[in-house]
Amino acid sequence: FPHAPNYALTTVENPVKRLHKFRNRIAHHEGIWHL
């Protein structure tokens, strides 16, 4: 992640965790329109 504003783990980890959870909802055919 060479263009991240800093090298703090949470800078990248937080959005990636949210995207992972979102991806799993989609993969399991769960509703997403309320998100």
All heavy atoms as atom14 arrays in JSON, in Angstrom:
{
  "sequence": "FPHAPNYALTTVENPVKRLHKFRNRIAHHEGIWHL",
  "atom14_mask": [
    [1, 1, 1, 1, 1, 1, 1, 1, 1, 1, 1, 0, 0, 0],
    [1, 1, 1, 1, 1, 1, 1, 0, 0, 0, 0, 0, 0, 0],
    [1, 1, 1, 1, 1, 1, 1, 1, 1, 1, 0, 0, 0, 0],
    [1, 1, 1, 1, 1, 0, 0, 0, 0, 0, 0, 0, 0, 0],
    [1, 1, 1, 1, 1, 1, 1, 0, 0, 0, 0, 0, 0, 0],
    [1, 1, 1, 1, 1, 1, 1, 1, 0, 0, 0, 0, 0, 0],
    [1, 1, 1, 1, 1, 1, 1, 1, 1, 1, 1, 1, 0, 0],
    [1, 1, 1, 1, 1, 0, 0, 0, 0, 0, 0, 0, 0, 0],
    [1, 1, 1, 1, 1, 1, 1, 1, 0, 0, 0, 0, 0, 0],
    [1, 1, 1, 1, 1, 1, 1, 0, 0, 0, 0, 0, 0, 0],
    [1, 1, 1, 1, 1, 1, 1, 0, 0, 0, 0, 0, 0, 0],
    [1, 1, 1, 1, 1, 1, 1, 0, 0, 0, 0, 0, 0, 0],
    [1, 1, 1, 1, 1, 1, 1, 1, 1, 0, 0, 0, 0, 0],
    [1, 1, 1, 1, 1, 1, 1, 1, 0, 0, 0, 0, 0, 0],
    [1, 1, 1, 1, 1, 1, 1, 0, 0, 0, 0, 0, 0, 0],
    [1, 1, 1, 1, 1, 1, 1, 0, 0, 0, 0, 0, 0, 0],
    [1, 1, 1, 1, 1, 1, 1, 1, 1, 0, 0, 0, 0, 0],
    [1, 1, 1, 1, 1, 1, 1, 1, 1, 1, 1, 0, 0, 0],
    [1, 1, 1, 1, 1, 1, 1, 1, 0, 0, 0, 0, 0, 0],
    [1, 1, 1, 1, 1, 1, 1, 1, 1, 1, 0, 0, 0, 0],
    [1, 1, 1, 1, 1, 1, 1, 1, 1, 0, 0, 0, 0, 0],
    [1, 1, 1, 1, 1, 1, 1, 1, 1, 1, 1, 0, 0, 0],
    [1, 1, 1, 1, 1, 1, 1, 1, 1, 1, 1, 0, 0, 0],
    [1, 1, 1, 1, 1, 1, 1, 1, 0, 0, 0, 0, 0, 0],
    [1, 1, 1, 1, 1, 1, 1, 1, 1, 1, 1, 0, 0, 0],
    [1, 1, 1, 1, 1, 1, 1, 1, 0, 0, 0, 0, 0, 0],
    [1, 1, 1, 1, 1, 0, 0, 0, 0, 0, 0, 0, 0, 0],
    [1, 1, 1, 1, 1, 1, 1, 1, 1, 1, 0, 0, 0, 0],
    [1, 1, 1, 1, 1, 1, 1, 1, 1, 1, 0, 0, 0, 0],
    [1, 1, 1, 1, 1, 1, 1, 1, 1, 0, 0, 0, 0, 0],
    [1, 1, 1, 1, 0, 0, 0, 0, 0, 0, 0, 0, 0, 0],
    [1, 1, 1, 1, 1, 1, 1, 1, 0, 0, 0, 0, 0, 0],
    [1, 1, 1, 1, 1, 1, 1, 1, 1, 1, 1, 1, 1, 1],
    [1, 1, 1, 1, 1, 1, 1, 1, 1, 1, 0, 0, 0, 0],
    [1, 1, 1, 1, 1, 1, 1, 1, 0, 0, 0, 0, 0, 0]
  ],
  "atom14_positions": [
    [[0.85, -1.19, 0.0], [0.0, 0.0, 0.0], [0.89, 1.24, 0.0], [0.89, 2.03, 0.96], [-0.93, -0.02, 1.22], [-1.75, -1.27, 1.31], [-1.31, -2.36, 2.07], [-2.94, -1.39, 0.62], [-2.06, -3.52, 2.13], [-3.69, -2.54, 0.68], [-3.25, -3.62, 1.44], [0.0, 0.0, 0.0], [0.0, 0.0, 0.0], [0.0, 0.0, 0.0]],
    [[1.64, 1.45, -1.07], [2.65, 2.51, -1.08], [2.08, 3.94, -0.99], [2.81, 4.86, -0.65], [3.38, 2.3, -2.4], [2.4, 1.61, -3.28], [1.59, 0.74, -2.35], [0.0, 0.0, 0.0], [0.0, 0.0, 0.0], [0.0, 0.0, 0.0], [0.0, 0.0, 0.0], [0.0, 0.0, 0.0], [0.0, 0.0, 0.0], [0.0, 0.0, 0.0]],
    [[0.82, 4.11, -1.28], [0.23, 5.45, -1.28], [-0.66, 5.7, -0.07], [-1.38, 6.71, -0.05], [-0.53, 5.68, -2.59], [0.35, 5.54, -3.78], [1.23, 6.52, -4.17], [0.54, 4.51, -4.63], [1.89, 6.11, -5.24], [1.5, 4.89, -5.53], [0.0, 0.0, 0.0], [0.0, 0.0, 0.0], [0.0, 0.0, 0.0], [0.0, 0.0, 0.0]],
    [[-0.6, 4.81, 0.92], [-1.34, 5.05, 2.16], [-0.73, 6.26, 2.87], [0.47, 6.51, 2.76], [-1.28, 3.82, 3.06], [0.0, 0.0, 0.0], [0.0, 0.0, 0.0], [0.0, 0.0, 0.0], [0.0, 0.0, 0.0], [0.0, 0.0, 0.0], [0.0, 0.0, 0.0], [0.0, 0.0, 0.0], [0.0, 0.0, 0.0], [0.0, 0.0, 0.0]],
    [[-1.54, 7.02, 3.58], [-1.02, 8.23, 4.22], [-0.02, 7.94, 5.33], [0.78, 8.8, 5.7], [-2.26, 8.92, 4.78], [-3.27, 7.84, 4.9], [-2.97, 6.85, 3.8], [0.0, 0.0, 0.0], [0.0, 0.0, 0.0], [0.0, 0.0, 0.0], [0.0, 0.0, 0.0], [0.0, 0.0, 0.0], [0.0, 0.0, 0.0], [0.0, 0.0, 0.0]],
    [[-0.04, 6.73, 5.86], [0.92, 6.32, 6.89], [1.0, 4.8, 6.89], [0.27, 4.13, 6.16], [0.51, 6.86, 8.27], [-0.87, 6.39, 8.68], [-1.15, 5.2, 8.76], [-1.75, 7.34, 8.95], [0.0, 0.0, 0.0], [0.0, 0.0, 0.0], [0.0, 0.0, 0.0], [0.0, 0.0, 0.0], [0.0, 0.0, 0.0], [0.0, 0.0, 0.0]],
    [[1.88, 4.27, 7.69], [2.05, 2.81, 7.73], [1.38, 2.17, 8.93], [1.69, 1.04, 9.29], [3.53, 2.45, 7.68], [4.12, 2.7, 6.31], [5.05, 3.69, 6.11], [3.71, 1.95, 5.23], [5.58, 3.93, 4.85], [4.22, 2.18, 3.96], [5.15, 3.16, 3.78], [5.65, 3.39, 2.54], [0.0, 0.0, 0.0], [0.0, 0.0, 0.0]],
    [[0.45, 2.86, 9.55], [-0.29, 2.29, 10.68], [-1.21, 1.18, 10.16], [-1.89, 1.34, 9.15], [-1.12, 3.36, 11.37], [0.0, 0.0, 0.0], [0.0, 0.0, 0.0], [0.0, 0.0, 0.0], [0.0, 0.0, 0.0], [0.0, 0.0, 0.0], [0.0, 0.0, 0.0], [0.0, 0.0, 0.0], [0.0, 0.0, 0.0], [0.0, 0.0, 0.0]],
    [[-1.2, 0.08, 10.83], [-2.01, -1.07, 10.44], [-3.48, -0.69, 10.3], [-4.14, -1.07, 9.33], [-1.85, -2.2, 11.45], [-2.75, -3.42, 11.29], [-2.51, -4.09, 9.94], [-2.54, -4.4, 12.42], [0.0, 0.0, 0.0], [0.0, 0.0, 0.0], [0.0, 0.0, 0.0], [0.0, 0.0, 0.0], [0.0, 0.0, 0.0], [0.0, 0.0, 0.0]],
    [[-4.01, 0.07, 11.23], [-5.44, 0.38, 11.21], [-5.85, 1.23, 10.01], [-7.0, 1.19, 9.59], [-5.87, 1.09, 12.5], [-5.07, 2.26, 12.68], [-5.73, 0.17, 13.7], [0.0, 0.0, 0.0], [0.0, 0.0, 0.0], [0.0, 0.0, 0.0], [0.0, 0.0, 0.0], [0.0, 0.0, 0.0], [0.0, 0.0, 0.0], [0.0, 0.0, 0.0]],
    [[-4.92, 1.97, 9.43], [-5.23, 2.79, 8.26], [-5.75, 1.93, 7.12], [-6.72, 2.28, 6.45], [-3.98, 3.57, 7.8], [-3.56, 4.42, 8.86], [-4.26, 4.39, 6.56], [0.0, 0.0, 0.0], [0.0, 0.0, 0.0], [0.0, 0.0, 0.0], [0.0, 0.0, 0.0], [0.0, 0.0, 0.0], [0.0, 0.0, 0.0], [0.0, 0.0, 0.0]],
    [[-5.14, 0.78, 6.93], [-5.55, -0.14, 5.87], [-6.53, -1.18, 6.4], [-7.49, -1.54, 5.73], [-4.31, -0.84, 5.26], [-4.71, -1.91, 4.26], [-3.39, 0.18, 4.62], [0.0, 0.0, 0.0], [0.0, 0.0, 0.0], [0.0, 0.0, 0.0], [0.0, 0.0, 0.0], [0.0, 0.0, 0.0], [0.0, 0.0, 0.0], [0.0, 0.0, 0.0]],
    [[-6.3, -1.63, 7.62], [-7.1, -2.72, 8.18], [-8.58, -2.38, 8.3], [-9.44, -3.22, 7.98], [-6.54, -3.1, 9.55], [-7.26, -4.27, 10.19], [-6.72, -4.57, 11.57], [-6.43, -3.63, 12.33], [-6.6, -5.76, 11.88], [0.0, 0.0, 0.0], [0.0, 0.0, 0.0], [0.0, 0.0, 0.0], [0.0, 0.0, 0.0], [0.0, 0.0, 0.0]],
    [[-8.92, -1.19, 8.75], [-10.32, -0.86, 8.98], [-11.16, -0.93, 7.7], [-12.19, -1.62, 7.68], [-10.46, 0.49, 9.67], [-9.98, 0.44, 11.1], [-9.94, -0.61, 11.72], [-9.58, 1.58, 11.63], [0.0, 0.0, 0.0], [0.0, 0.0, 0.0], [0.0, 0.0, 0.0], [0.0, 0.0, 0.0], [0.0, 0.0, 0.0], [0.0, 0.0, 0.0]],
    [[-10.77, -0.25, 6.6], [-11.6, -0.39, 5.4], [-11.58, -1.8, 4.82], [-12.59, -2.26, 4.3], [-11.01, 0.64, 4.42], [-9.68, 1.0, 4.95], [-9.71, 0.74, 6.41], [0.0, 0.0, 0.0], [0.0, 0.0, 0.0], [0.0, 0.0, 0.0], [0.0, 0.0, 0.0], [0.0, 0.0, 0.0], [0.0, 0.0, 0.0], [0.0, 0.0, 0.0]],
    [[-10.46, -2.5, 4.94], [-10.39, -3.87, 4.42], [-11.32, -4.78, 5.21], [-12.01, -5.63, 4.62], [-8.94, -4.39, 4.4], [-8.89, -5.89, 4.13], [-8.12, -3.64, 3.36], [0.0, 0.0, 0.0], [0.0, 0.0, 0.0], [0.0, 0.0, 0.0], [0.0, 0.0, 0.0], [0.0, 0.0, 0.0], [0.0, 0.0, 0.0], [0.0, 0.0, 0.0]],
    [[-11.37, -4.63, 6.52], [-12.29, -5.44, 7.33], [-13.74, -5.2, 6.94], [-14.53, -6.13, 6.83], [-12.1, -5.13, 8.82], [-10.97, -5.86, 9.46], [-10.96, -5.57, 10.95], [-9.9, -6.36, 11.66], [-9.9, -6.12, 13.11], [0.0, 0.0, 0.0], [0.0, 0.0, 0.0], [0.0, 0.0, 0.0], [0.0, 0.0, 0.0], [0.0, 0.0, 0.0]],
    [[-14.09, -3.92, 6.73], [-15.47, -3.62, 6.33], [-15.79, -4.23, 4.97], [-16.88, -4.77, 4.76], [-15.69, -2.11, 6.32], [-15.71, -1.48, 7.69], [-16.12, -0.02, 7.66], [-15.22, 0.82, 6.91], [-14.23, 1.54, 7.44], [-14.02, 1.5, 8.75], [-13.48, 2.3, 6.66], [0.0, 0.0, 0.0], [0.0, 0.0, 0.0], [0.0, 0.0, 0.0]],
    [[-14.84, -4.16, 4.04], [-15.06, -4.73, 2.72], [-15.14, -6.25, 2.78], [-15.93, -6.87, 2.05], [-13.95, -4.3, 1.76], [-14.01, -2.84, 1.35], [-12.76, -2.47, 0.57], [-15.26, -2.55, 0.55], [0.0, 0.0, 0.0], [0.0, 0.0, 0.0], [0.0, 0.0, 0.0], [0.0, 0.0, 0.0], [0.0, 0.0, 0.0], [0.0, 0.0, 0.0]],
    [[-14.36, -6.87, 3.64], [-14.42, -8.32, 3.8], [-15.79, -8.76, 4.31], [-16.39, -9.7, 3.8], [-13.31, -8.78, 4.74], [-13.22, -10.25, 4.9], [-13.55, -10.89, 6.06], [-12.87, -11.22, 4.02], [-13.4, -12.19, 5.9], [-12.99, -12.42, 4.68], [0.0, 0.0, 0.0], [0.0, 0.0, 0.0], [0.0, 0.0, 0.0], [0.0, 0.0, 0.0]],
    [[-16.29, -8.04, 5.31], [-17.62, -8.35, 5.84], [-18.69, -8.14, 4.76], [-19.6, -8.96, 4.61], [-17.9, -7.45, 7.05], [-19.18, -7.77, 7.76], [-19.32, -6.92, 9.02], [-20.63, -7.23, 9.72], [-20.8, -6.43, 10.93], [0.0, 0.0, 0.0], [0.0, 0.0, 0.0], [0.0, 0.0, 0.0], [0.0, 0.0, 0.0], [0.0, 0.0, 0.0]],
    [[-18.57, -7.07, 3.99], [-19.5, -6.77, 2.91], [-19.45, -7.86, 1.84], [-20.48, -8.35, 1.38], [-19.13, -5.41, 2.31], [-20.04, -4.92, 1.23], [-21.38, -4.71, 1.47], [-19.53, -4.63, -0.03], [-22.22, -4.23, 0.46], [-20.35, -4.15, -1.03], [-21.7, -3.96, -0.78], [0.0, 0.0, 0.0], [0.0, 0.0, 0.0], [0.0, 0.0, 0.0]],
    [[-18.25, -8.27, 1.46], [-18.07, -9.33, 0.47], [-18.73, -10.63, 0.95], [-19.37, -11.33, 0.18], [-16.58, -9.54, 0.21], [-16.28, -10.69, -0.71], [-15.66, -11.82, 0.13], [-15.48, -12.99, -0.67], [-16.01, -14.17, -0.37], [-16.76, -14.33, 0.68], [-15.79, -15.21, -1.12], [0.0, 0.0, 0.0], [0.0, 0.0, 0.0], [0.0, 0.0, 0.0]],
    [[-18.56, -10.94, 2.22], [-19.16, -12.17, 2.75], [-20.68, -12.12, 2.71], [-21.33, -13.12, 2.41], [-18.67, -12.44, 4.17], [-17.27, -12.98, 4.2], [-16.72, -13.4, 3.17], [-16.64, -12.96, 5.36], [0.0, 0.0, 0.0], [0.0, 0.0, 0.0], [0.0, 0.0, 0.0], [0.0, 0.0, 0.0], [0.0, 0.0, 0.0], [0.0, 0.0, 0.0]],
    [[-21.27, -10.97, 3.01], [-22.73, -10.84, 2.93], [-23.2, -11.13, 1.51], [-24.18, -11.83, 1.29], [-23.18, -9.44, 3.34], [-23.03, -9.16, 4.83], [-23.7, -7.86, 5.18], [-25.13, -7.95, 5.0], [-26.0, -8.34, 5.94], [-25.56, -8.66, 7.13], [-27.28, -8.38, 5.68], [0.0, 0.0, 0.0], [0.0, 0.0, 0.0], [0.0, 0.0, 0.0]],
    [[-22.49, -10.55, 0.52], [-22.86, -10.76, -0.87], [-22.67, -12.23, -1.25], [-23.54, -12.83, -1.88], [-22.03, -9.84, -1.79], [-22.43, -8.39, -1.55], [-22.21, -10.22, -3.25], [-21.51, -7.37, -2.18], [0.0, 0.0, 0.0], [0.0, 0.0, 0.0], [0.0, 0.0, 0.0], [0.0, 0.0, 0.0], [0.0, 0.0, 0.0], [0.0, 0.0, 0.0]],
    [[-21.56, -12.81, -0.86], [-21.26, -14.21, -1.21], [-22.28, -15.18, -0.62], [-22.54, -16.23, -1.2], [-19.86, -14.58, -0.75], [0.0, 0.0, 0.0], [0.0, 0.0, 0.0], [0.0, 0.0, 0.0], [0.0, 0.0, 0.0], [0.0, 0.0, 0.0], [0.0, 0.0, 0.0], [0.0, 0.0, 0.0], [0.0, 0.0, 0.0], [0.0, 0.0, 0.0]],
    [[-22.87, -14.81, 0.5], [-23.86, -15.67, 1.15], [-25.29, -15.26, 0.8], [-26.24, -15.68, 1.45], [-23.65, -15.68, 2.66], [-22.38, -16.34, 3.06], [-22.23, -17.7, 3.14], [-21.16, -15.82, 3.37], [-21.0, -18.0, 3.5], [-20.33, -16.87, 3.64], [0.0, 0.0, 0.0], [0.0, 0.0, 0.0], [0.0, 0.0, 0.0], [0.0, 0.0, 0.0]],
    [[-25.42, -14.44, -0.24], [-26.72, -14.02, -0.76], [-27.59, -13.34, 0.29], [-28.81, -13.5, 0.31], [-27.47, -15.21, -1.39], [-26.67, -15.9, -2.43], [-26.53, -15.41, -3.7], [-25.94, -17.04, -2.38], [-25.76, -16.23, -4.4], [-25.38, -17.22, -3.63], [0.0, 0.0, 0.0], [0.0, 0.0, 0.0], [0.0, 0.0, 0.0], [0.0, 0.0, 0.0]],
    [[-26.95, -12.58, 1.16], [-27.69, -11.82, 2.16], [-28.04, -10.45, 1.59], [-27.35, -9.95, 0.7], [-26.84, -11.66, 3.43], [-26.52, -12.98, 4.1], [-25.59, -12.82, 5.29], [-25.51, -11.71, 5.85], [-24.93, -13.81, 5.64], [0.0, 0.0, 0.0], [0.0, 0.0, 0.0], [0.0, 0.0, 0.0], [0.0, 0.0, 0.0], [0.0, 0.0, 0.0]],
    [[-29.08, -9.85, 2.09], [-29.48, -8.54, 1.63], [-28.45, -7.47, 1.97], [-27.84, -7.52, 3.03], [0.0, 0.0, 0.0], [0.0, 0.0, 0.0], [0.0, 0.0, 0.0], [0.0, 0.0, 0.0], [0.0, 0.0, 0.0], [0.0, 0.0, 0.0], [0.0, 0.0, 0.0], [0.0, 0.0, 0.0], [0.0, 0.0, 0.0], [0.0, 0.0, 0.0]],
    [[-28.27, -6.53, 1.06], [-27.31, -5.44, 1.3], [-27.93, -4.06, 1.15], [-27.3, -3.07, 1.46], [-26.08, -5.55, 0.38], [-26.49, -5.47, -1.09], [-25.29, -6.82, 0.67], [-25.34, -5.26, -2.05], [0.0, 0.0, 0.0], [0.0, 0.0, 0.0], [0.0, 0.0, 0.0], [0.0, 0.0, 0.0], [0.0, 0.0, 0.0], [0.0, 0.0, 0.0]],
    [[-29.17, -3.98, 0.66], [-29.75, -2.67, 0.35], [-29.93, -1.79, 1.57], [-29.98, -0.57, 1.44], [-31.07, -2.84, -0.4], [-30.82, -3.3, -1.78], [-31.06, -4.54, -2.3], [-30.22, -2.55, -2.84], [-30.65, -4.6, -3.62], [-30.13, -3.38, -3.97], [-29.74, -1.25, -2.95], [-29.59, -2.96, -5.18], [-29.21, -0.83, -4.15], [-29.14, -1.68, -5.25]],
    [[-30.0, -2.37, 2.74], [-30.17, -1.58, 3.96], [-28.83, -1.09, 4.51], [-28.8, -0.33, 5.48], [-30.9, -2.4, 5.02], [-30.12, -3.58, 5.5], [-29.98, -4.73, 4.75], [-29.4, -3.76, 6.62], [-29.23, -5.59, 5.41], [-28.86, -5.02, 6.55], [0.0, 0.0, 0.0], [0.0, 0.0, 0.0], [0.0, 0.0, 0.0], [0.0, 0.0, 0.0]],
    [[-27.74, -1.5, 3.89], [-26.41, -1.12, 4.37], [-25.97, 0.23, 3.78], [-26.57, 0.73, 2.83], [-25.38, -2.19, 3.96], [-25.64, -3.6, 4.49], [-24.61, -4.56, 3.94], [-25.63, -3.61, 6.01], [0.0, 0.0, 0.0], [0.0, 0.0, 0.0], [0.0, 0.0, 0.0], [0.0, 0.0, 0.0], [0.0, 0.0, 0.0], [0.0, 0.0, 0.0]]
  ]
}
